[in-house]
Amino acid sequence: MEIKSNEWFSVFSKGYQNKKGQAVLAVRPQQTQTIGWVGNYIKSERARWATETLRSMVGQATKDELAEFKKLNFETATFNGIFSYRNARSLMAQSPFMVLDIDDLASYEEAQRVKHLLVSDPWVETALCFISPKGMGVKWVVRVPQWAQNCDFKKAFTKLQQHVGFEHGIVVDCSGSDICRACFLPYDSTCYIYQKYL
């Protein structure tokens, strides 16, 4: 399949500790990639150790410790576009994709149920859908539907957020309205990839 020029986005390496010893996310992209590449990465063994270690920490580590571990051990992607630096001013090319984040579900089984529900949505094309690093949430990467394309990014996000709430009764995290939002890439052997992006 030929990949359209606007279907690429930035992928960032694992974070690092700054001079103050704080864990921070990488801000300069490591590479430009596609939905197919990310889907294959998520299904591969490359992020398995970090994902399983993080999930074993849940219930024992503090929220800050979990956040620090994620920053230092997971690669990230800005599905919304290509960036020279990870901030809104440095957007070089916007992609047709948007990621919706559903957090704080009751269990891994509930996350799987929600994932299947979202993938089956007849009004929105799912490009990629996978379980979040901690195993209690879902990352839903969609192609922005035609009914949300004539809006700026935040308005398009709000329309999709409202759609998910109305159609499925699911609350979407508002943080995704930030166009330069980095999405962690965990291991998920059951990651859904729309066939046309492979």
N, C-alpha and C. Protein backbone atom coordinates (compact mmCIF):
# COMPACT_ATOMS: atom_id res chain seq x y z
N MET A 1 0.84 -1.19 0.00
CA MET A 1 0.00 0.00 0.00
C MET A 1 0.88 1.25 0.00
N GLU A 2 0.52 2.21 -0.81
CA GLU A 2 1.27 3.46 -0.85
C GLU A 2 0.78 4.35 0.29
N ILE A 3 1.72 4.87 1.06
CA ILE A 3 1.36 5.74 2.19
C ILE A 3 1.29 7.18 1.70
N LYS A 4 0.18 7.85 1.98
CA LYS A 4 0.03 9.24 1.58
C LYS A 4 0.97 10.11 2.40
N SER A 5 1.42 11.19 1.80
CA SER A 5 2.45 12.03 2.44
C SER A 5 1.99 12.62 3.77
N ASN A 6 0.68 12.81 3.96
CA ASN A 6 0.22 13.41 5.22
C ASN A 6 -0.11 12.37 6.29
N GLU A 7 0.16 11.08 6.00
CA GLU A 7 -0.18 10.04 6.97
C GLU A 7 0.99 9.69 7.90
N TRP A 8 2.03 10.50 7.89
CA TRP A 8 3.19 10.28 8.74
C TRP A 8 3.07 11.13 10.01
N PHE A 9 3.78 10.74 11.04
CA PHE A 9 3.80 11.49 12.30
C PHE A 9 5.11 11.19 13.02
N SER A 10 5.38 11.93 14.08
CA SER A 10 6.65 11.81 14.79
C SER A 10 6.62 10.72 15.87
N VAL A 11 7.75 10.03 16.00
CA VAL A 11 7.96 9.06 17.08
C VAL A 11 9.20 9.51 17.85
N PHE A 12 9.10 9.43 19.18
CA PHE A 12 10.16 9.91 20.05
C PHE A 12 10.76 8.75 20.85
N SER A 13 12.04 8.86 21.14
CA SER A 13 12.71 7.83 21.93
C SER A 13 12.27 7.92 23.39
N LYS A 14 12.72 6.99 24.20
CA LYS A 14 12.43 7.00 25.64
C LYS A 14 12.95 8.30 26.25
N GLY A 15 12.33 8.70 27.36
CA GLY A 15 12.74 9.93 28.02
C GLY A 15 14.08 9.80 28.73
N TYR A 16 14.41 10.79 29.49
CA TYR A 16 15.71 10.83 30.17
C TYR A 16 15.59 11.64 31.46
N GLN A 17 16.63 11.63 32.26
CA GLN A 17 16.66 12.44 33.48
C GLN A 17 17.38 13.75 33.18
N ASN A 18 16.77 14.86 33.53
CA ASN A 18 17.40 16.16 33.28
C ASN A 18 18.45 16.46 34.36
N LYS A 19 19.02 17.64 34.33
CA LYS A 19 20.10 18.00 35.26
C LYS A 19 19.65 17.99 36.71
N LYS A 20 18.35 18.16 36.92
CA LYS A 20 17.80 18.13 38.29
C LYS A 20 17.45 16.71 38.72
N GLY A 21 17.69 15.73 37.85
CA GLY A 21 17.36 14.34 38.17
C GLY A 21 15.91 13.98 37.95
N GLN A 22 15.16 14.87 37.27
CA GLN A 22 13.74 14.61 37.01
C GLN A 22 13.58 13.86 35.69
N ALA A 23 12.63 12.95 35.66
CA ALA A 23 12.34 12.22 34.43
C ALA A 23 11.52 13.13 33.50
N VAL A 24 11.97 13.26 32.26
CA VAL A 24 11.26 14.09 31.29
C VAL A 24 11.14 13.33 29.97
N LEU A 25 10.11 13.65 29.22
CA LEU A 25 9.92 13.04 27.91
C LEU A 25 10.86 13.66 26.88
N ALA A 26 11.25 12.88 25.91
CA ALA A 26 12.04 13.41 24.79
C ALA A 26 11.22 14.45 24.05
N VAL A 27 11.88 15.51 23.62
CA VAL A 27 11.17 16.59 22.92
C VAL A 27 11.56 16.70 21.45
N ARG A 28 12.65 16.04 21.07
CA ARG A 28 13.06 16.05 19.67
C ARG A 28 12.78 14.66 19.07
N PRO A 29 12.09 14.60 17.94
CA PRO A 29 11.70 13.30 17.39
C PRO A 29 12.90 12.45 16.98
N GLN A 30 12.73 11.16 17.16
CA GLN A 30 13.75 10.19 16.76
C GLN A 30 13.56 9.81 15.29
N GLN A 31 12.29 9.76 14.86
CA GLN A 31 11.98 9.36 13.50
C GLN A 31 10.56 9.77 13.13
N THR A 32 10.25 9.65 11.85
CA THR A 32 8.89 9.86 11.35
C THR A 32 8.37 8.50 10.94
N GLN A 33 7.13 8.17 11.35
CA GLN A 33 6.63 6.82 11.10
C GLN A 33 5.16 6.82 10.72
N THR A 34 4.63 5.60 10.57
CA THR A 34 3.27 5.40 10.07
C THR A 34 2.46 4.55 11.06
N ILE A 35 1.16 4.47 10.83
CA ILE A 35 0.28 3.64 11.66
C ILE A 35 0.74 2.18 11.63
N GLY A 36 1.06 1.67 10.45
CA GLY A 36 1.49 0.28 10.33
C GLY A 36 2.74 -0.01 11.14
N TRP A 37 3.70 0.91 11.10
CA TRP A 37 4.96 0.72 11.86
C TRP A 37 4.66 0.68 13.36
N VAL A 38 3.86 1.63 13.83
CA VAL A 38 3.55 1.69 15.27
C VAL A 38 2.77 0.45 15.70
N GLY A 39 1.80 0.04 14.90
CA GLY A 39 1.04 -1.17 15.24
C GLY A 39 1.93 -2.39 15.37
N ASN A 40 2.85 -2.54 14.42
CA ASN A 40 3.79 -3.67 14.49
C ASN A 40 4.73 -3.55 15.68
N TYR A 41 5.14 -2.32 16.01
CA TYR A 41 6.00 -2.10 17.18
C TYR A 41 5.27 -2.54 18.45
N ILE A 42 4.01 -2.12 18.59
CA ILE A 42 3.23 -2.43 19.79
C ILE A 42 3.01 -3.94 19.93
N LYS A 43 2.88 -4.64 18.82
CA LYS A 43 2.68 -6.09 18.87
C LYS A 43 4.00 -6.86 19.05
N SER A 44 5.11 -6.19 18.85
CA SER A 44 6.41 -6.86 18.96
C SER A 44 6.84 -6.95 20.42
N GLU A 45 7.97 -7.58 20.66
CA GLU A 45 8.47 -7.76 22.03
C GLU A 45 9.19 -6.52 22.56
N ARG A 46 9.38 -5.51 21.72
CA ARG A 46 10.26 -4.38 22.08
C ARG A 46 9.82 -3.63 23.33
N ALA A 47 8.52 -3.53 23.55
CA ALA A 47 8.03 -2.79 24.72
C ALA A 47 7.48 -3.72 25.81
N ARG A 48 7.67 -5.01 25.65
CA ARG A 48 7.04 -5.97 26.57
C ARG A 48 7.58 -5.85 28.00
N TRP A 49 8.91 -5.78 28.14
CA TRP A 49 9.49 -5.71 29.49
C TRP A 49 8.97 -4.48 30.23
N ALA A 50 9.00 -3.31 29.57
CA ALA A 50 8.56 -2.07 30.23
C ALA A 50 7.08 -2.16 30.62
N THR A 51 6.27 -2.71 29.73
CA THR A 51 4.83 -2.81 30.00
C THR A 51 4.54 -3.75 31.16
N GLU A 52 5.15 -4.92 31.15
CA GLU A 52 4.92 -5.89 32.24
C GLU A 52 5.47 -5.39 33.56
N THR A 53 6.61 -4.71 33.53
CA THR A 53 7.19 -4.17 34.77
C THR A 53 6.29 -3.09 35.34
N LEU A 54 5.81 -2.19 34.49
CA LEU A 54 4.92 -1.12 34.96
C LEU A 54 3.67 -1.70 35.59
N ARG A 55 3.07 -2.70 34.95
CA ARG A 55 1.83 -3.28 35.49
C ARG A 55 2.07 -4.00 36.80
N SER A 56 3.27 -4.55 36.99
CA SER A 56 3.59 -5.20 38.27
C SER A 56 3.78 -4.17 39.39
N MET A 57 4.04 -2.92 39.00
CA MET A 57 4.25 -1.85 39.99
C MET A 57 2.93 -1.25 40.47
N VAL A 58 1.87 -1.40 39.67
CA VAL A 58 0.57 -0.80 40.01
C VAL A 58 0.08 -1.37 41.34
N GLY A 59 -0.32 -0.49 42.24
CA GLY A 59 -0.79 -0.91 43.57
C GLY A 59 0.32 -0.87 44.61
N GLN A 60 1.59 -0.80 44.15
CA GLN A 60 2.72 -0.74 45.07
C GLN A 60 3.46 0.59 44.97
N ALA A 61 3.62 1.08 43.74
CA ALA A 61 4.34 2.34 43.52
C ALA A 61 3.37 3.52 43.60
N THR A 62 3.92 4.70 43.87
CA THR A 62 3.12 5.93 43.90
C THR A 62 2.79 6.37 42.47
N LYS A 63 1.86 7.28 42.34
CA LYS A 63 1.49 7.82 41.04
C LYS A 63 2.71 8.46 40.37
N ASP A 64 3.52 9.19 41.16
CA ASP A 64 4.72 9.84 40.63
C ASP A 64 5.74 8.82 40.17
N GLU A 65 5.90 7.74 40.91
CA GLU A 65 6.86 6.70 40.53
C GLU A 65 6.44 6.02 39.23
N LEU A 66 5.14 5.78 39.08
CA LEU A 66 4.63 5.18 37.84
C LEU A 66 4.85 6.13 36.66
N ALA A 67 4.58 7.42 36.87
CA ALA A 67 4.76 8.40 35.81
C ALA A 67 6.22 8.50 35.40
N GLU A 68 7.12 8.47 36.37
CA GLU A 68 8.55 8.54 36.08
C GLU A 68 9.01 7.32 35.30
N PHE A 69 8.54 6.14 35.70
CA PHE A 69 8.91 4.91 35.01
C PHE A 69 8.46 4.96 33.55
N LYS A 70 7.24 5.43 33.31
CA LYS A 70 6.73 5.52 31.94
C LYS A 70 7.61 6.45 31.09
N LYS A 71 7.93 7.60 31.63
CA LYS A 71 8.73 8.57 30.88
C LYS A 71 10.09 8.01 30.48
N LEU A 72 10.69 7.22 31.36
CA LEU A 72 12.04 6.72 31.12
C LEU A 72 12.10 5.43 30.32
N ASN A 73 10.97 4.74 30.18
CA ASN A 73 11.02 3.39 29.60
C ASN A 73 10.12 3.14 28.40
N PHE A 74 9.35 4.15 27.98
CA PHE A 74 8.46 3.96 26.83
C PHE A 74 8.76 4.99 25.73
N GLU A 75 8.74 4.52 24.50
CA GLU A 75 8.77 5.44 23.38
C GLU A 75 7.38 6.08 23.26
N THR A 76 7.32 7.21 22.58
CA THR A 76 6.04 7.91 22.41
C THR A 76 5.85 8.32 20.96
N ALA A 77 4.61 8.63 20.63
CA ALA A 77 4.28 9.12 19.28
C ALA A 77 3.35 10.32 19.39
N THR A 78 3.50 11.25 18.47
CA THR A 78 2.54 12.35 18.34
C THR A 78 1.72 12.05 17.08
N PHE A 79 0.65 11.29 17.27
CA PHE A 79 -0.16 10.83 16.14
C PHE A 79 -0.76 11.98 15.33
N ASN A 80 -0.83 13.17 15.94
CA ASN A 80 -1.48 14.29 15.29
C ASN A 80 -0.64 14.93 14.19
N GLY A 81 0.66 14.58 14.12
CA GLY A 81 1.46 15.16 13.05
C GLY A 81 2.96 15.02 13.25
N ILE A 82 3.68 15.68 12.35
CA ILE A 82 5.15 15.70 12.38
C ILE A 82 5.59 16.99 13.06
N PHE A 83 6.49 16.84 14.03
CA PHE A 83 6.99 17.99 14.80
C PHE A 83 8.51 18.04 14.72
N SER A 84 9.06 19.25 14.64
CA SER A 84 10.51 19.39 14.73
C SER A 84 10.94 19.41 16.20
N TYR A 85 10.00 19.79 17.06
CA TYR A 85 10.19 19.85 18.51
C TYR A 85 8.79 19.64 19.08
N ARG A 86 8.69 18.97 20.23
CA ARG A 86 7.35 18.61 20.70
C ARG A 86 6.66 19.77 21.42
N ASN A 87 6.23 20.73 20.62
CA ASN A 87 5.31 21.77 21.10
C ASN A 87 4.46 22.23 19.92
N ALA A 88 3.36 22.89 20.21
CA ALA A 88 2.38 23.24 19.17
C ALA A 88 2.98 24.13 18.09
N ARG A 89 3.91 25.01 18.46
CA ARG A 89 4.51 25.93 17.50
C ARG A 89 5.38 25.21 16.47
N SER A 90 5.83 24.01 16.82
CA SER A 90 6.79 23.29 15.98
C SER A 90 6.13 22.21 15.10
N LEU A 91 4.81 22.31 14.94
CA LEU A 91 4.11 21.39 14.04
C LEU A 91 4.51 21.69 12.61
N MET A 92 5.06 20.69 11.93
CA MET A 92 5.50 20.86 10.54
C MET A 92 4.43 20.40 9.55
N ALA A 93 3.70 19.35 9.91
CA ALA A 93 2.65 18.84 9.03
C ALA A 93 1.64 18.07 9.88
N GLN A 94 0.38 18.43 9.75
CA GLN A 94 -0.66 17.75 10.51
C GLN A 94 -1.08 16.47 9.79
N SER A 95 -1.29 15.42 10.57
CA SER A 95 -1.75 14.15 10.00
C SER A 95 -3.28 14.11 10.05
N PRO A 96 -3.91 13.12 9.41
CA PRO A 96 -5.37 12.99 9.50
C PRO A 96 -5.80 12.23 10.75
N PHE A 97 -4.84 11.93 11.65
CA PHE A 97 -5.14 11.09 12.82
C PHE A 97 -5.28 11.90 14.10
N MET A 98 -5.98 11.30 15.04
CA MET A 98 -6.15 11.88 16.37
C MET A 98 -6.25 10.72 17.35
N VAL A 99 -5.67 10.90 18.54
CA VAL A 99 -5.74 9.83 19.55
C VAL A 99 -6.69 10.26 20.67
N LEU A 100 -7.59 9.35 21.03
CA LEU A 100 -8.51 9.56 22.14
C LEU A 100 -8.12 8.59 23.25
N ASP A 101 -8.03 9.13 24.44
CA ASP A 101 -7.50 8.39 25.59
C ASP A 101 -8.63 8.12 26.59
N ILE A 102 -8.90 6.86 26.86
CA ILE A 102 -9.90 6.48 27.86
C ILE A 102 -9.15 5.86 29.03
N ASP A 103 -9.21 6.52 30.18
CA ASP A 103 -8.42 6.11 31.35
C ASP A 103 -9.29 5.57 32.49
N ASP A 104 -8.59 5.01 33.48
CA ASP A 104 -9.20 4.64 34.77
C ASP A 104 -10.40 3.69 34.62
N LEU A 105 -10.26 2.69 33.76
CA LEU A 105 -11.29 1.67 33.67
C LEU A 105 -11.12 0.67 34.82
N ALA A 106 -12.13 -0.15 35.04
CA ALA A 106 -12.15 -1.01 36.23
C ALA A 106 -11.11 -2.13 36.20
N SER A 107 -10.78 -2.61 34.99
CA SER A 107 -9.88 -3.76 34.90
C SER A 107 -9.34 -3.88 33.48
N TYR A 108 -8.39 -4.78 33.31
CA TYR A 108 -7.85 -5.09 31.98
C TYR A 108 -8.96 -5.65 31.09
N GLU A 109 -9.82 -6.48 31.66
CA GLU A 109 -10.93 -7.07 30.90
C GLU A 109 -11.89 -5.98 30.42
N GLU A 110 -12.13 -4.98 31.27
CA GLU A 110 -13.00 -3.87 30.88
C GLU A 110 -12.34 -3.06 29.76
N ALA A 111 -11.03 -2.89 29.83
CA ALA A 111 -10.31 -2.18 28.77
C ALA A 111 -10.44 -2.92 27.44
N GLN A 112 -10.36 -4.24 27.48
CA GLN A 112 -10.53 -5.02 26.25
C GLN A 112 -11.94 -4.86 25.70
N ARG A 113 -12.93 -4.84 26.58
CA ARG A 113 -14.33 -4.67 26.15
C ARG A 113 -14.51 -3.31 25.47
N VAL A 114 -13.95 -2.27 26.09
CA VAL A 114 -14.07 -0.92 25.52
C VAL A 114 -13.33 -0.83 24.19
N LYS A 115 -12.19 -1.48 24.10
CA LYS A 115 -11.42 -1.49 22.84
C LYS A 115 -12.27 -2.08 21.72
N HIS A 116 -12.90 -3.21 21.95
CA HIS A 116 -13.73 -3.85 20.93
C HIS A 116 -14.94 -2.98 20.57
N LEU A 117 -15.49 -2.30 21.56
CA LEU A 117 -16.63 -1.41 21.34
C LEU A 117 -16.23 -0.26 20.41
N LEU A 118 -15.08 0.36 20.68
CA LEU A 118 -14.64 1.50 19.88
C LEU A 118 -14.28 1.09 18.46
N VAL A 119 -13.60 -0.03 18.31
CA VAL A 119 -13.22 -0.52 16.99
C VAL A 119 -14.45 -0.78 16.12
N SER A 120 -15.56 -1.12 16.76
CA SER A 120 -16.81 -1.42 16.04
C SER A 120 -17.65 -0.19 15.73
N ASP A 121 -17.19 1.00 16.14
CA ASP A 121 -17.95 2.23 15.92
C ASP A 121 -18.14 2.45 14.41
N PRO A 122 -19.40 2.52 13.93
CA PRO A 122 -19.63 2.65 12.48
C PRO A 122 -19.42 4.06 11.94
N TRP A 123 -19.28 5.05 12.84
CA TRP A 123 -19.20 6.44 12.42
C TRP A 123 -17.76 6.97 12.37
N VAL A 124 -16.83 6.22 12.93
CA VAL A 124 -15.44 6.68 13.01
C VAL A 124 -14.51 5.55 12.55
N GLU A 125 -13.56 5.88 11.69
CA GLU A 125 -12.60 4.88 11.22
C GLU A 125 -11.47 4.72 12.25
N THR A 126 -11.34 3.52 12.78
CA THR A 126 -10.24 3.22 13.69
C THR A 126 -9.00 2.90 12.87
N ALA A 127 -7.91 3.62 13.15
CA ALA A 127 -6.64 3.30 12.51
C ALA A 127 -5.87 2.29 13.37
N LEU A 128 -5.93 2.52 14.70
CA LEU A 128 -5.16 1.73 15.65
C LEU A 128 -5.88 1.80 16.99
N CYS A 129 -5.90 0.70 17.72
CA CYS A 129 -6.51 0.71 19.05
C CYS A 129 -5.78 -0.29 19.93
N PHE A 130 -5.33 0.18 21.11
CA PHE A 130 -4.53 -0.69 21.97
C PHE A 130 -4.74 -0.35 23.45
N ILE A 131 -4.39 -1.31 24.29
CA ILE A 131 -4.51 -1.14 25.74
C ILE A 131 -3.37 -0.25 26.23
N SER A 132 -3.67 0.64 27.15
CA SER A 132 -2.68 1.60 27.67
C SER A 132 -1.60 0.90 28.50
N PRO A 133 -0.49 1.59 28.78
CA PRO A 133 0.62 0.95 29.50
C PRO A 133 0.24 0.27 30.81
N LYS A 134 -0.60 0.89 31.62
CA LYS A 134 -0.97 0.31 32.92
C LYS A 134 -2.01 -0.80 32.80
N GLY A 135 -2.63 -0.94 31.63
CA GLY A 135 -3.59 -2.01 31.41
C GLY A 135 -5.01 -1.69 31.81
N MET A 136 -5.27 -0.44 32.20
CA MET A 136 -6.60 -0.05 32.66
C MET A 136 -7.20 1.08 31.82
N GLY A 137 -6.74 1.17 30.58
CA GLY A 137 -7.24 2.21 29.68
C GLY A 137 -7.05 1.79 28.24
N VAL A 138 -7.55 2.65 27.34
CA VAL A 138 -7.50 2.37 25.91
C VAL A 138 -7.02 3.61 25.17
N LYS A 139 -6.15 3.39 24.19
CA LYS A 139 -5.73 4.45 23.27
C LYS A 139 -6.40 4.16 21.93
N TRP A 140 -7.24 5.08 21.49
CA TRP A 140 -8.00 4.90 20.25
C TRP A 140 -7.49 5.91 19.23
N VAL A 141 -6.74 5.46 18.24
CA VAL A 141 -6.22 6.34 17.19
C VAL A 141 -7.18 6.27 16.01
N VAL A 142 -7.78 7.40 15.70
CA VAL A 142 -8.82 7.44 14.66
C VAL A 142 -8.39 8.35 13.51
N ARG A 143 -8.98 8.10 12.38
CA ARG A 143 -8.87 9.05 11.27
C ARG A 143 -10.00 10.05 11.48
N VAL A 144 -9.66 11.32 11.54
CA VAL A 144 -10.69 12.33 11.84
C VAL A 144 -11.79 12.24 10.79
N PRO A 145 -13.04 11.99 11.22
CA PRO A 145 -14.13 11.82 10.25
C PRO A 145 -14.48 13.12 9.54
N GLN A 146 -15.13 12.98 8.41
CA GLN A 146 -15.47 14.14 7.59
C GLN A 146 -16.27 15.17 8.37
N TRP A 147 -17.15 14.70 9.28
CA TRP A 147 -18.00 15.63 10.02
C TRP A 147 -17.22 16.43 11.08
N ALA A 148 -15.93 16.17 11.22
CA ALA A 148 -15.11 16.94 12.17
C ALA A 148 -13.90 17.58 11.48
N GLN A 149 -13.81 17.46 10.16
CA GLN A 149 -12.61 17.93 9.46
C GLN A 149 -12.55 19.43 9.22
N ASN A 150 -13.69 20.10 9.19
CA ASN A 150 -13.68 21.53 8.89
C ASN A 150 -13.57 22.38 10.15
N CYS A 151 -12.92 21.84 11.17
CA CYS A 151 -12.75 22.54 12.44
C CYS A 151 -11.26 22.64 12.76
N ASP A 152 -10.91 23.54 13.68
CA ASP A 152 -9.53 23.50 14.15
C ASP A 152 -9.38 22.26 15.03
N PHE A 153 -8.15 21.96 15.42
CA PHE A 153 -7.87 20.69 16.09
C PHE A 153 -8.68 20.51 17.37
N LYS A 154 -8.73 21.54 18.22
CA LYS A 154 -9.43 21.42 19.51
C LYS A 154 -10.92 21.19 19.31
N LYS A 155 -11.51 21.86 18.33
CA LYS A 155 -12.95 21.69 18.08
C LYS A 155 -13.23 20.29 17.52
N ALA A 156 -12.34 19.81 16.65
CA ALA A 156 -12.50 18.46 16.11
C ALA A 156 -12.41 17.44 17.25
N PHE A 157 -11.45 17.67 18.16
CA PHE A 157 -11.31 16.77 19.31
C PHE A 157 -12.58 16.77 20.16
N THR A 158 -13.12 17.97 20.41
CA THR A 158 -14.34 18.09 21.22
C THR A 158 -15.50 17.35 20.56
N LYS A 159 -15.62 17.45 19.25
CA LYS A 159 -16.70 16.73 18.53
C LYS A 159 -16.56 15.22 18.71
N LEU A 160 -15.33 14.72 18.59
CA LEU A 160 -15.11 13.28 18.76
C LEU A 160 -15.34 12.86 20.21
N GLN A 161 -14.91 13.70 21.13
CA GLN A 161 -15.11 13.43 22.56
C GLN A 161 -16.61 13.33 22.86
N GLN A 162 -17.38 14.26 22.32
CA GLN A 162 -18.83 14.25 22.53
C GLN A 162 -19.48 13.03 21.87
N HIS A 163 -18.99 12.67 20.69
CA HIS A 163 -19.50 11.49 19.99
C HIS A 163 -19.33 10.24 20.85
N VAL A 164 -18.13 10.06 21.42
CA VAL A 164 -17.86 8.87 22.24
C VAL A 164 -18.75 8.87 23.49
N GLY A 165 -18.94 10.03 24.07
CA GLY A 165 -19.81 10.13 25.25
C GLY A 165 -21.25 9.81 24.91
N PHE A 166 -21.74 10.35 23.79
CA PHE A 166 -23.14 10.15 23.41
C PHE A 166 -23.41 8.73 22.93
N GLU A 167 -22.54 8.21 22.06
CA GLU A 167 -22.77 6.90 21.45
C GLU A 167 -22.43 5.74 22.38
N HIS A 168 -21.41 5.91 23.22
CA HIS A 168 -20.91 4.78 24.01
C HIS A 168 -20.94 5.01 25.53
N GLY A 169 -21.28 6.24 25.95
CA GLY A 169 -21.30 6.52 27.39
C GLY A 169 -19.92 6.45 28.02
N ILE A 170 -18.88 6.78 27.24
CA ILE A 170 -17.49 6.68 27.71
C ILE A 170 -16.89 8.08 27.80
N VAL A 171 -16.16 8.34 28.88
CA VAL A 171 -15.51 9.63 29.09
C VAL A 171 -14.11 9.58 28.49
N VAL A 172 -13.81 10.57 27.63
CA VAL A 172 -12.49 10.69 26.99
C VAL A 172 -11.68 11.74 27.73
N ASP A 173 -10.42 11.42 28.01
CA ASP A 173 -9.51 12.34 28.70
C ASP A 173 -9.32 13.61 27.87
N CYS A 174 -9.49 14.77 28.50
CA CYS A 174 -9.39 16.06 27.80
C CYS A 174 -7.97 16.38 27.35
N SER A 175 -6.95 15.71 27.90
CA SER A 175 -5.57 16.04 27.57
C SER A 175 -5.26 15.84 26.10
N GLY A 176 -6.04 15.00 25.42
CA GLY A 176 -5.82 14.74 24.00
C GLY A 176 -6.11 15.93 23.11
N SER A 177 -6.72 16.99 23.66
CA SER A 177 -7.01 18.19 22.86
C SER A 177 -5.75 18.99 22.57
N ASP A 178 -4.64 18.62 23.19
CA ASP A 178 -3.34 19.27 22.94
C ASP A 178 -2.72 18.60 21.71
N ILE A 179 -2.53 19.36 20.64
CA ILE A 179 -2.09 18.77 19.37
C ILE A 179 -0.71 18.09 19.46
N CYS A 180 0.12 18.53 20.40
CA CYS A 180 1.46 17.95 20.51
C CYS A 180 1.54 16.89 21.61
N ARG A 181 0.40 16.43 22.08
CA ARG A 181 0.35 15.42 23.14
C ARG A 181 1.08 14.15 22.72
N ALA A 182 1.98 13.68 23.58
CA ALA A 182 2.72 12.45 23.31
C ALA A 182 1.95 11.25 23.85
N CYS A 183 1.87 10.20 23.06
CA CYS A 183 1.15 8.98 23.45
C CYS A 183 2.17 7.87 23.66
N PHE A 184 2.17 7.27 24.86
CA PHE A 184 3.08 6.16 25.15
C PHE A 184 2.75 4.95 24.27
N LEU A 185 3.79 4.23 23.88
CA LEU A 185 3.62 3.04 23.04
C LEU A 185 3.98 1.79 23.84
N PRO A 186 2.97 1.12 24.41
CA PRO A 186 3.21 -0.07 25.22
C PRO A 186 3.16 -1.35 24.37
N TYR A 187 3.37 -2.46 25.01
CA TYR A 187 3.20 -3.76 24.35
C TYR A 187 1.73 -4.17 24.45
N ASP A 188 1.15 -4.57 23.33
CA ASP A 188 -0.21 -5.12 23.33
C ASP A 188 -0.32 -6.08 22.15
N SER A 189 -0.24 -7.37 22.45
CA SER A 189 -0.29 -8.39 21.40
C SER A 189 -1.64 -8.41 20.69
N THR A 190 -2.68 -7.82 21.32
CA THR A 190 -4.02 -7.80 20.73
C THR A 190 -4.32 -6.45 20.07
N CYS A 191 -3.31 -5.62 19.88
CA CYS A 191 -3.49 -4.31 19.25
C CYS A 191 -4.24 -4.45 17.93
N TYR A 192 -5.26 -3.61 17.73
CA TYR A 192 -6.01 -3.61 16.48
C TYR A 192 -5.34 -2.65 15.51
N ILE A 193 -5.07 -3.10 14.30
CA ILE A 193 -4.54 -2.26 13.23
C ILE A 193 -5.47 -2.41 12.03
N TYR A 194 -5.99 -1.30 11.52
CA TYR A 194 -6.82 -1.38 10.33
C TYR A 194 -5.95 -1.87 9.18
N GLN A 195 -6.44 -2.91 8.52
CA GLN A 195 -5.66 -3.64 7.52
C GLN A 195 -5.03 -2.73 6.46
N LYS A 196 -5.74 -1.68 6.09
CA LYS A 196 -5.23 -0.85 4.98
C LYS A 196 -3.95 -0.10 5.35
N TYR A 197 -3.66 0.00 6.65
CA TYR A 197 -2.44 0.70 7.07
C TYR A 197 -1.24 -0.24 7.20
N LEU A 198 -1.45 -1.53 7.02
CA LEU A 198 -0.34 -2.47 7.12
C LEU A 198 0.46 -2.51 5.82
